[in-house]
Amino acid sequence: MPPKNWSLFFRYLPEAVLAIAACLSLGLIMLPKEKLSRSLEFEPFGYRTDISADAYSGGNSVAEWVNRDVQLWRCQIGQAFKSPYCSMNIRVVDKEGKGLNLSGYDKMKIWAQYKGDAQHMRMYLKNRNPNYYVPGDPISAKYNMIEVPVADLREGLEVRMSDFAVAGWWLVRNNLVLKEAHTEFDDIIEIELQTGSAVTSGVHEIQLKKIVWSGPIFTEVALYRGMAITWSLLIVGVLLYRLLLMQMEISRHKRYQEELVAINGLLSLQNQKFEDLAKTDHLTGLLNRIGIRDVLYDGLTQWKKSQTPFSMILIDLDHFKQVNDTYGHDVGDEILKGASAAFKNIVRKTDALARWGGEEFILLCPGTNRVQAVAAAESLRKRLEAEPIFQEIKVTASFGVATMTQPDLDHLFKSADEALYKAKKRGRNCVVTDARLSDQHVH
């Protein structure tokens, strides 16, 4: 993705995140509840199962297996106890000693088969809690009880877990404090299916087929609380992100202003307010110092971003002061214009040629390394040497070449100026690079 597109992406990222969050929130609200529910299916086969009657309470009812393989059993109600019953107890503790955790389910559906004249059947979900449970005492587990009509069991009878209540006789027996007298389903260790409380006689056959508990993955309260927290965090995050982008934008403009100030200082713009109102030199038609300011800034910026090469060539016409003294300033002006025209004819469109002042010129070469800049300078030197600008003398120039190696325009300019000074010392009409290229120069 291009840098400009990345900039747009990061600028509008918060809006995209909020739009996605809004769609997700709406989807969660509109989603059918069954899509956000979970279930636990229980079949009694494979668990340790026992049947018993009311002998513990002094009764004479009889419980017996009809077909143990399919958990089918029979109860013959006796008359010795005023509230006779028979029970089937299913031990649901796993190998690690953990019971069923049904605390996250709000509904239970029971499938069973019943033969007899009773109207109801009793079920206990026995919960274990260290506050009241005593190992070895089966009645110490809390008896969460419900009575259900037997008519609907064949097709599956659905009840709410909130319909369960703690058996009154169990509360009296254990004398619990009020805060522990409510139903609990977090550690069910036994499921007991029992004949109903109104049964007083007869034969009853019972077979428990299956139980399925179901409930939401999370409650509506938890859902809306989670959405509220998420939206709060998103809003805070967007605000922080916006502040960060604003700070980065301010920092970027600040750096831009600082770099412009530095460039203005380099070009001595403060001492040339009136001369530099125009970007071109009135004599040669080349750019002036103002005209190359943007090229300098762009070259520095690209070098900072990606180390893009950026070179500078300083040019000084040889013995120009003698020409002025000997032939006059009019001839000097014609030589300046001729040299400018010779340079312009072979300078690349991507480069920026300017008159620096007096007999000095500057060529800025973006995307150009030192070797390429030396070749460009040599081409300028040869072209100027071959150009018949003035019949009385051959016009030549000295060239100083430097390439940016650190984000400092002042350092680049000084390096080029030092190279130009060496070119003059070596006899002029030659190209010399900065000191980092040893003392290599081109004649």
Protein backbone atom coordinates (compact mmCIF):
# COMPACT_ATOMS: atom_id res chain seq x y z
CA MET A 1 0.00 0.00 0.00
CA PRO A 2 1.50 3.41 -0.94
CA PRO A 3 2.49 5.75 1.91
CA LYS A 4 -0.36 8.15 1.10
CA ASN A 5 -2.90 5.36 1.38
CA TRP A 6 -1.34 4.21 4.64
CA SER A 7 -1.75 7.74 5.96
CA LEU A 8 -5.44 7.71 5.03
CA PHE A 9 -5.81 4.24 6.54
CA PHE A 10 -4.43 5.30 9.91
CA ARG A 11 -6.40 8.55 9.86
CA TYR A 12 -9.74 6.77 9.40
CA LEU A 13 -8.87 3.65 11.42
CA PRO A 14 -10.90 4.75 14.51
CA GLU A 15 -14.04 5.26 12.39
CA ALA A 16 -13.59 1.80 10.87
CA VAL A 17 -13.15 0.20 14.31
CA LEU A 18 -16.25 1.97 15.66
CA ALA A 19 -18.29 0.93 12.61
CA ILE A 20 -17.25 -2.71 13.04
CA ALA A 21 -18.00 -2.54 16.78
CA ALA A 22 -21.43 -1.04 16.07
CA CYS A 23 -22.25 -3.84 13.61
CA LEU A 24 -21.09 -6.49 16.08
CA SER A 25 -23.13 -4.92 18.89
CA LEU A 26 -26.24 -4.78 16.72
CA GLY A 27 -25.64 -8.37 15.64
CA LEU A 28 -25.36 -9.54 19.25
CA ILE A 29 -28.55 -7.72 20.20
CA MET A 30 -30.50 -9.09 17.22
CA LEU A 31 -29.05 -12.61 17.44
CA PRO A 32 -31.63 -15.21 18.57
CA LYS A 33 -31.06 -16.31 22.14
CA GLU A 34 -30.63 -19.94 21.15
CA LYS A 35 -27.54 -18.95 19.17
CA LEU A 36 -25.95 -17.70 22.37
CA SER A 37 -26.87 -20.69 24.48
CA ARG A 38 -25.10 -23.85 25.58
CA SER A 39 -26.39 -27.22 26.68
CA LEU A 40 -25.34 -30.26 28.70
CA GLU A 41 -26.82 -33.65 27.84
CA PHE A 42 -26.97 -36.35 30.47
CA GLU A 43 -27.90 -40.02 30.05
CA PRO A 44 -27.96 -42.25 33.15
CA PHE A 45 -26.43 -45.27 31.48
CA GLY A 46 -22.84 -45.92 32.56
CA TYR A 47 -23.15 -44.23 35.96
CA ARG A 48 -23.34 -46.02 39.27
CA THR A 49 -27.06 -46.34 39.95
CA ASP A 50 -28.88 -47.78 42.96
CA ILE A 51 -32.55 -48.19 43.77
CA SER A 52 -34.01 -48.12 47.26
CA ALA A 53 -37.32 -47.87 49.15
CA ASP A 54 -38.57 -46.31 52.37
CA ALA A 55 -37.11 -48.91 54.76
CA TYR A 56 -34.78 -46.16 56.08
CA SER A 57 -37.92 -44.32 57.25
CA GLY A 58 -39.64 -47.43 58.62
CA GLY A 59 -41.67 -48.21 55.52
CA ASN A 60 -42.23 -51.52 53.70
CA SER A 61 -42.23 -50.40 50.04
CA VAL A 62 -40.20 -52.59 47.66
CA ALA A 63 -37.96 -51.40 44.81
CA GLU A 64 -36.61 -53.85 42.22
CA TRP A 65 -34.98 -53.82 38.81
CA VAL A 66 -37.08 -54.80 35.84
CA ASN A 67 -34.20 -54.40 33.36
CA ARG A 68 -31.05 -52.96 34.84
CA ASP A 69 -29.35 -52.64 31.46
CA VAL A 70 -31.85 -49.99 30.40
CA GLN A 71 -32.34 -48.56 33.91
CA LEU A 72 -35.98 -49.75 34.11
CA TRP A 73 -37.17 -50.34 37.69
CA ARG A 74 -40.39 -51.03 39.59
CA CYS A 75 -41.77 -49.81 42.93
CA GLN A 76 -44.40 -51.62 45.02
CA ILE A 77 -45.74 -49.06 47.48
CA GLY A 78 -46.25 -50.36 51.04
CA GLN A 79 -48.56 -49.12 53.78
CA ALA A 80 -46.26 -49.15 56.84
CA PHE A 81 -45.09 -45.54 56.34
CA LYS A 82 -47.43 -42.57 56.00
CA SER A 83 -45.41 -41.10 53.10
CA PRO A 84 -44.14 -44.19 51.25
CA TYR A 85 -41.66 -43.87 48.39
CA CYS A 86 -39.10 -45.61 46.19
CA SER A 87 -35.99 -43.95 44.72
CA MET A 88 -33.34 -44.33 42.03
CA ASN A 89 -30.01 -42.66 42.91
CA ILE A 90 -27.46 -41.90 40.16
CA ARG A 91 -23.95 -41.04 41.34
CA VAL A 92 -22.59 -38.42 38.90
CA VAL A 93 -19.14 -37.72 40.39
CA ASP A 94 -16.35 -38.18 37.82
CA LYS A 95 -13.01 -39.93 38.24
CA GLU A 96 -11.45 -36.77 39.64
CA GLY A 97 -14.16 -36.47 42.28
CA LYS A 98 -15.94 -33.52 40.63
CA GLY A 99 -19.70 -33.30 40.38
CA LEU A 100 -21.82 -31.58 37.73
CA ASN A 101 -21.69 -27.81 37.66
CA LEU A 102 -25.20 -26.76 36.60
CA SER A 103 -25.02 -23.20 37.95
CA GLY A 104 -24.84 -21.70 34.44
CA TYR A 105 -28.02 -23.33 33.16
CA ASP A 106 -31.52 -21.93 33.58
CA LYS A 107 -33.62 -24.73 32.03
CA MET A 108 -33.84 -28.50 32.32
CA LYS A 109 -35.67 -30.93 30.03
CA ILE A 110 -36.45 -34.44 31.25
CA TRP A 111 -37.34 -37.51 29.20
CA ALA A 112 -38.69 -40.51 31.15
CA GLN A 113 -41.12 -43.39 30.83
CA TYR A 114 -43.67 -44.08 33.54
CA LYS A 115 -46.37 -46.70 34.18
CA GLY A 116 -48.74 -46.37 37.10
CA ASP A 117 -51.56 -44.24 38.44
CA ALA A 118 -49.46 -41.40 39.97
CA GLN A 119 -49.78 -37.85 38.65
CA HIS A 120 -46.38 -36.53 39.75
CA MET A 121 -42.83 -37.63 40.23
CA ARG A 122 -40.20 -36.10 42.49
CA MET A 123 -36.61 -35.26 41.51
CA TYR A 124 -33.68 -34.24 43.68
CA LEU A 125 -30.44 -32.62 42.51
CA LYS A 126 -28.10 -33.14 45.48
CA ASN A 127 -25.43 -30.47 45.83
CA ARG A 128 -22.19 -30.71 47.74
CA ASN A 129 -20.89 -27.72 49.67
CA PRO A 130 -18.10 -27.91 52.29
CA ASN A 131 -20.12 -25.57 54.54
CA TYR A 132 -22.65 -28.32 55.22
CA TYR A 133 -21.62 -31.52 53.41
CA VAL A 134 -20.11 -34.31 55.49
CA PRO A 135 -18.33 -37.11 53.56
CA GLY A 136 -19.93 -40.45 54.34
CA ASP A 137 -23.28 -38.87 55.22
CA PRO A 138 -25.35 -38.95 51.99
CA ILE A 139 -28.18 -36.87 53.49
CA SER A 140 -25.82 -33.97 54.21
CA ALA A 141 -25.80 -33.03 50.51
CA LYS A 142 -28.36 -30.29 49.84
CA TYR A 143 -31.64 -31.66 48.42
CA ASN A 144 -32.75 -29.32 45.62
CA MET A 145 -36.24 -30.64 44.87
CA ILE A 146 -38.90 -30.35 42.20
CA GLU A 147 -42.11 -32.32 41.52
CA VAL A 148 -43.07 -32.73 37.87
CA PRO A 149 -46.19 -34.10 36.15
CA VAL A 150 -45.56 -37.53 34.65
CA ALA A 151 -47.90 -37.04 31.67
CA ASP A 152 -45.40 -34.97 29.67
CA LEU A 153 -42.24 -36.92 30.48
CA ARG A 154 -42.45 -39.23 27.47
CA GLU A 155 -42.15 -36.33 24.99
CA GLY A 156 -39.81 -34.34 27.20
CA LEU A 157 -40.83 -31.98 29.96
CA GLU A 158 -39.04 -28.63 30.28
CA VAL A 159 -38.77 -26.90 33.65
CA ARG A 160 -36.88 -23.89 34.93
CA MET A 161 -34.05 -24.32 37.36
CA SER A 162 -35.64 -21.53 39.36
CA ASP A 163 -38.60 -23.89 40.00
CA PHE A 164 -36.41 -25.99 42.27
CA ALA A 165 -36.60 -25.46 46.03
CA VAL A 166 -34.63 -26.88 48.91
CA ALA A 167 -36.57 -29.70 50.63
CA GLY A 168 -38.10 -28.42 53.87
CA TRP A 169 -37.23 -31.55 55.86
CA TRP A 170 -33.59 -31.17 54.79
CA LEU A 171 -33.46 -27.53 55.98
CA VAL A 172 -34.92 -28.53 59.35
CA ARG A 173 -32.48 -31.43 59.68
CA ASN A 174 -29.39 -29.34 58.93
CA ASN A 175 -30.49 -26.09 60.60
CA LEU A 176 -28.66 -23.87 58.09
CA VAL A 177 -28.35 -20.10 58.33
CA LEU A 178 -30.73 -18.17 56.09
CA LYS A 179 -28.11 -17.19 53.50
CA GLU A 180 -27.37 -20.89 52.83
CA ALA A 181 -31.03 -21.96 52.57
CA HIS A 182 -31.29 -21.25 48.83
CA THR A 183 -30.83 -23.72 45.97
CA GLU A 184 -27.31 -24.51 44.76
CA PHE A 185 -26.25 -26.33 41.60
CA ASP A 186 -22.51 -25.82 41.37
CA ASP A 187 -21.43 -29.30 42.52
CA ILE A 188 -24.20 -31.87 41.97
CA ILE A 189 -23.04 -35.30 43.13
CA GLU A 190 -26.30 -37.30 42.89
CA ILE A 191 -29.50 -37.20 40.85
CA GLU A 192 -32.43 -38.91 42.57
CA LEU A 193 -35.69 -39.82 40.86
CA GLN A 194 -38.45 -40.68 43.34
CA THR A 195 -42.11 -41.53 43.36
CA GLY A 196 -44.32 -38.52 44.01
CA SER A 197 -45.32 -37.25 47.43
CA ALA A 198 -49.03 -38.06 46.88
CA VAL A 199 -48.44 -41.74 46.02
CA THR A 200 -50.01 -44.09 48.64
CA SER A 201 -50.38 -47.40 46.83
CA GLY A 202 -49.93 -49.31 43.60
CA VAL A 203 -47.15 -50.52 41.34
CA HIS A 204 -45.07 -47.97 39.49
CA GLU A 205 -42.53 -48.56 36.70
CA ILE A 206 -40.04 -45.81 36.00
CA GLN A 207 -37.26 -45.41 33.42
CA LEU A 208 -35.20 -42.24 33.16
CA LYS A 209 -34.15 -41.72 29.54
CA LYS A 210 -32.28 -38.45 29.36
CA ILE A 211 -31.86 -34.99 30.89
CA VAL A 212 -30.67 -31.90 28.99
CA TRP A 213 -29.73 -28.68 30.74
CA SER A 214 -29.53 -25.48 28.71
CA GLY A 215 -28.71 -21.87 29.39
CA PRO A 216 -27.16 -18.74 27.92
CA ILE A 217 -23.42 -18.55 27.34
CA PHE A 218 -23.71 -15.29 29.23
CA THR A 219 -26.68 -13.55 30.74
CA GLU A 220 -28.30 -10.47 29.27
CA VAL A 221 -26.93 -8.46 32.17
CA ALA A 222 -23.42 -9.74 31.45
CA LEU A 223 -23.90 -9.11 27.71
CA TYR A 224 -24.99 -5.50 28.11
CA ARG A 225 -22.42 -4.86 30.81
CA GLY A 226 -19.71 -6.26 28.54
CA MET A 227 -20.93 -4.12 25.64
CA ALA A 228 -20.97 -1.02 27.85
CA ILE A 229 -17.43 -1.70 29.07
CA THR A 230 -16.22 -2.44 25.52
CA TRP A 231 -17.76 0.74 24.14
CA SER A 232 -16.28 2.78 26.99
CA LEU A 233 -12.83 1.35 26.28
CA LEU A 234 -13.28 1.93 22.54
CA ILE A 235 -14.25 5.55 23.04
CA VAL A 236 -11.31 6.17 25.37
CA GLY A 237 -9.05 4.36 22.89
CA VAL A 238 -10.30 6.48 19.97
CA LEU A 239 -9.77 9.67 21.96
CA LEU A 240 -6.22 8.63 22.88
CA TYR A 241 -5.55 7.62 19.28
CA ARG A 242 -6.81 10.99 18.03
CA LEU A 243 -4.65 12.80 20.57
CA LEU A 244 -1.65 10.74 19.42
CA LEU A 245 -2.31 11.56 15.75
CA MET A 246 -2.72 15.23 16.64
CA GLN A 247 0.54 15.21 18.56
CA MET A 248 2.32 13.53 15.65
CA GLU A 249 0.87 16.08 13.23
CA ILE A 250 1.97 18.94 15.46
CA SER A 251 5.45 17.41 15.75
CA ARG A 252 5.65 16.97 11.98
CA HIS A 253 4.72 20.61 11.34
CA LYS A 254 7.16 21.70 14.00
CA ARG A 255 9.98 19.74 12.35
CA TYR A 256 9.00 21.20 8.99
CA GLN A 257 9.16 24.72 10.39
CA GLU A 258 12.51 24.03 12.06
CA GLU A 259 13.96 22.65 8.83
CA LEU A 260 12.70 25.67 6.88
CA VAL A 261 14.30 27.96 9.44
CA ALA A 262 17.57 26.06 9.10
CA ILE A 263 17.45 26.24 5.30
CA ASN A 264 16.60 29.95 5.43
CA GLY A 265 19.61 30.46 7.66
CA LEU A 266 21.83 28.52 5.27
CA LEU A 267 20.70 30.64 2.33
CA SER A 268 21.03 33.88 4.29
CA LEU A 269 17.44 34.74 3.53
CA GLN A 270 17.17 37.13 6.43
CA ASN A 271 19.76 39.45 4.79
CA GLN A 272 18.17 39.21 1.36
CA LYS A 273 14.48 39.90 2.00
CA PHE A 274 14.03 42.17 -0.97
CA GLU A 275 16.46 40.54 -3.45
CA ASP A 276 14.92 37.11 -2.93
CA LEU A 277 11.25 37.95 -3.46
CA ALA A 278 11.51 36.30 -6.88
CA LYS A 279 12.74 32.72 -7.33
CA THR A 280 14.81 33.36 -10.47
CA ASP A 281 17.99 35.23 -11.08
CA HIS A 282 17.29 38.30 -13.25
CA LEU A 283 20.56 38.05 -15.22
CA THR A 284 20.89 34.36 -16.08
CA GLY A 285 17.26 33.21 -15.82
CA LEU A 286 18.35 30.41 -13.49
CA LEU A 287 16.81 29.74 -10.09
CA ASN A 288 18.10 31.82 -7.22
CA ARG A 289 18.54 30.79 -3.58
CA ILE A 290 14.81 31.05 -2.88
CA GLY A 291 14.08 28.92 -5.94
CA ILE A 292 16.01 25.88 -4.71
CA ARG A 293 14.69 25.96 -1.14
CA ASP A 294 12.01 23.33 -1.80
CA VAL A 295 14.51 21.06 -3.57
CA LEU A 296 16.81 21.24 -0.56
CA TYR A 297 13.94 20.42 1.79
CA ASP A 298 12.72 17.51 -0.34
CA GLY A 299 16.22 16.08 -0.66
CA LEU A 300 16.75 16.25 3.11
CA THR A 301 13.31 14.69 3.80
CA GLN A 302 13.80 11.79 1.38
CA TRP A 303 17.24 11.06 2.81
CA LYS A 304 15.76 10.95 6.33
CA LYS A 305 12.92 8.64 5.26
CA SER A 306 14.76 6.13 3.07
CA GLN A 307 18.42 7.20 2.67
CA THR A 308 17.65 8.34 -0.90
CA PRO A 309 20.93 9.73 -2.33
CA PHE A 310 21.17 13.50 -2.60
CA SER A 311 24.20 15.29 -4.11
CA MET A 312 25.32 18.91 -4.46
CA ILE A 313 27.71 20.42 -7.01
CA LEU A 314 29.23 23.86 -6.42
CA ILE A 315 30.58 25.56 -9.60
CA ASP A 316 32.92 28.54 -9.75
CA LEU A 317 33.94 30.17 -13.08
CA ASP A 318 37.74 30.28 -13.29
CA HIS A 319 39.53 33.69 -13.11
CA PHE A 320 36.26 35.56 -13.42
CA LYS A 321 37.52 38.57 -11.46
CA GLN A 322 40.35 39.03 -14.00
CA VAL A 323 37.82 38.91 -16.85
CA ASN A 324 35.77 41.66 -15.21
CA ASP A 325 38.87 43.74 -14.54
CA THR A 326 40.22 43.27 -18.07
CA TYR A 327 37.11 43.33 -20.26
CA GLY A 328 34.55 45.01 -18.07
CA HIS A 329 31.38 43.94 -16.32
CA ASP A 330 29.33 43.80 -19.51
CA VAL A 331 31.55 41.05 -20.86
CA GLY A 332 31.41 39.40 -17.44
CA ASP A 333 27.62 39.41 -17.62
CA GLU A 334 27.68 37.87 -21.12
CA ILE A 335 30.00 35.12 -19.87
CA LEU A 336 27.66 34.40 -16.96
CA LYS A 337 24.69 34.14 -19.31
CA GLY A 338 26.63 31.96 -21.75
CA ALA A 339 27.81 29.62 -19.02
CA SER A 340 24.27 29.40 -17.66
CA ALA A 341 22.92 28.50 -21.11
CA ALA A 342 25.64 25.85 -21.59
CA PHE A 343 24.77 24.28 -18.24
CA LYS A 344 21.01 24.39 -18.79
CA ASN A 345 21.31 22.51 -22.09
CA ILE A 346 22.60 19.32 -20.42
CA VAL A 347 21.21 19.49 -16.88
CA ARG A 348 18.62 16.78 -16.16
CA LYS A 349 15.00 17.80 -15.58
CA THR A 350 15.13 16.22 -12.15
CA ASP A 351 18.06 18.43 -11.08
CA ALA A 352 17.91 22.06 -9.95
CA LEU A 353 20.48 24.56 -11.28
CA ALA A 354 20.77 27.96 -9.59
CA ARG A 355 23.02 30.95 -9.54
CA TRP A 356 24.47 31.04 -6.07
CA GLY A 357 25.94 34.52 -6.36
CA GLY A 358 28.61 36.32 -8.40
CA GLU A 359 30.36 33.76 -10.60
CA GLU A 360 29.19 30.80 -8.48
CA PHE A 361 26.50 28.28 -9.41
CA ILE A 362 24.95 25.34 -7.54
CA LEU A 363 23.46 22.16 -8.96
CA LEU A 364 21.26 19.99 -6.71
CA CYS A 365 20.89 16.35 -7.80
CA PRO A 366 18.09 14.39 -6.02
CA GLY A 367 18.33 10.60 -6.25
CA THR A 368 21.97 10.85 -7.32
CA ASN A 369 24.92 9.18 -5.60
CA ARG A 370 28.50 10.45 -5.51
CA VAL A 371 29.69 8.56 -8.60
CA GLN A 372 26.73 9.79 -10.66
CA ALA A 373 27.21 13.35 -9.39
CA VAL A 374 30.90 13.30 -10.37
CA ALA A 375 29.92 12.13 -13.88
CA ALA A 376 27.34 14.92 -14.14
CA ALA A 377 29.90 17.52 -13.01
CA GLU A 378 32.43 16.25 -15.56
CA SER A 379 29.82 16.55 -18.32
CA LEU A 380 29.20 20.18 -17.30
CA ARG A 381 32.92 20.87 -17.22
CA LYS A 382 33.52 19.48 -20.70
CA ARG A 383 30.49 21.26 -22.15
CA LEU A 384 31.59 24.61 -20.74
CA GLU A 385 35.18 24.12 -21.94
CA ALA A 386 33.98 23.39 -25.48
CA GLU A 387 31.45 26.25 -25.61
CA PRO A 388 32.60 29.34 -27.61
CA ILE A 389 31.24 31.86 -25.13
CA PHE A 390 33.87 34.61 -25.59
CA GLN A 391 36.44 34.72 -28.44
CA GLU A 392 39.21 36.31 -26.42
CA ILE A 393 39.45 33.61 -23.73
CA LYS A 394 38.36 30.01 -23.08
CA VAL A 395 35.79 29.95 -20.28
CA THR A 396 36.26 27.11 -17.75
CA ALA A 397 35.06 26.34 -14.23
CA SER A 398 36.01 24.40 -11.11
CA PHE A 399 33.58 21.88 -9.57
CA GLY A 400 33.16 20.67 -5.97
CA VAL A 401 30.97 17.58 -5.48
CA ALA A 402 29.49 16.29 -2.20
CA THR A 403 26.86 13.69 -1.35
CA MET A 404 24.68 13.69 1.78
CA THR A 405 25.82 11.21 4.45
CA GLN A 406 23.96 12.69 7.42
CA PRO A 407 20.74 14.70 7.81
CA ASP A 408 22.54 18.05 7.83
CA LEU A 409 22.39 20.48 4.88
CA ASP A 410 25.07 22.69 6.42
CA HIS A 411 27.46 19.73 6.49
CA LEU A 412 26.64 18.91 2.85
CA PHE A 413 27.31 22.48 1.77
CA LYS A 414 30.61 22.67 3.65
CA SER A 415 31.73 19.36 2.10
CA ALA A 416 31.00 20.65 -1.42
CA ASP A 417 32.70 23.98 -0.66
CA GLU A 418 35.83 22.18 0.59
CA ALA A 419 35.90 20.08 -2.58
CA LEU A 420 35.57 23.25 -4.70
CA TYR A 421 38.43 24.84 -2.80
CA LYS A 422 40.63 21.79 -3.57
CA ALA A 423 39.68 22.00 -7.25
CA LYS A 424 40.93 25.60 -7.37
CA LYS A 425 44.12 24.65 -5.53
CA ARG A 426 44.78 21.89 -8.10
CA GLY A 427 44.78 24.23 -11.05
CA ARG A 428 41.08 24.80 -11.73
CA ASN A 429 39.02 23.39 -14.64
CA CYS A 430 38.57 20.10 -12.79
CA VAL A 431 36.08 18.15 -10.68
CA VAL A 432 36.91 17.25 -7.07
CA THR A 433 34.75 15.29 -4.65
CA ASP A 434 34.51 15.79 -0.89
CA ALA A 435 37.09 14.28 1.46
CA ARG A 436 35.20 10.97 1.91
CA LEU A 437 36.32 9.94 -1.60
CA SER A 438 39.96 10.23 -0.52
CA ASP A 439 41.41 12.99 -2.69
CA GLN A 440 40.06 11.63 -5.97
CA HIS A 441 39.41 14.24 -8.65
CA VAL A 442 38.65 14.27 -12.35
CA HIS A 443 40.52 16.46 -14.83
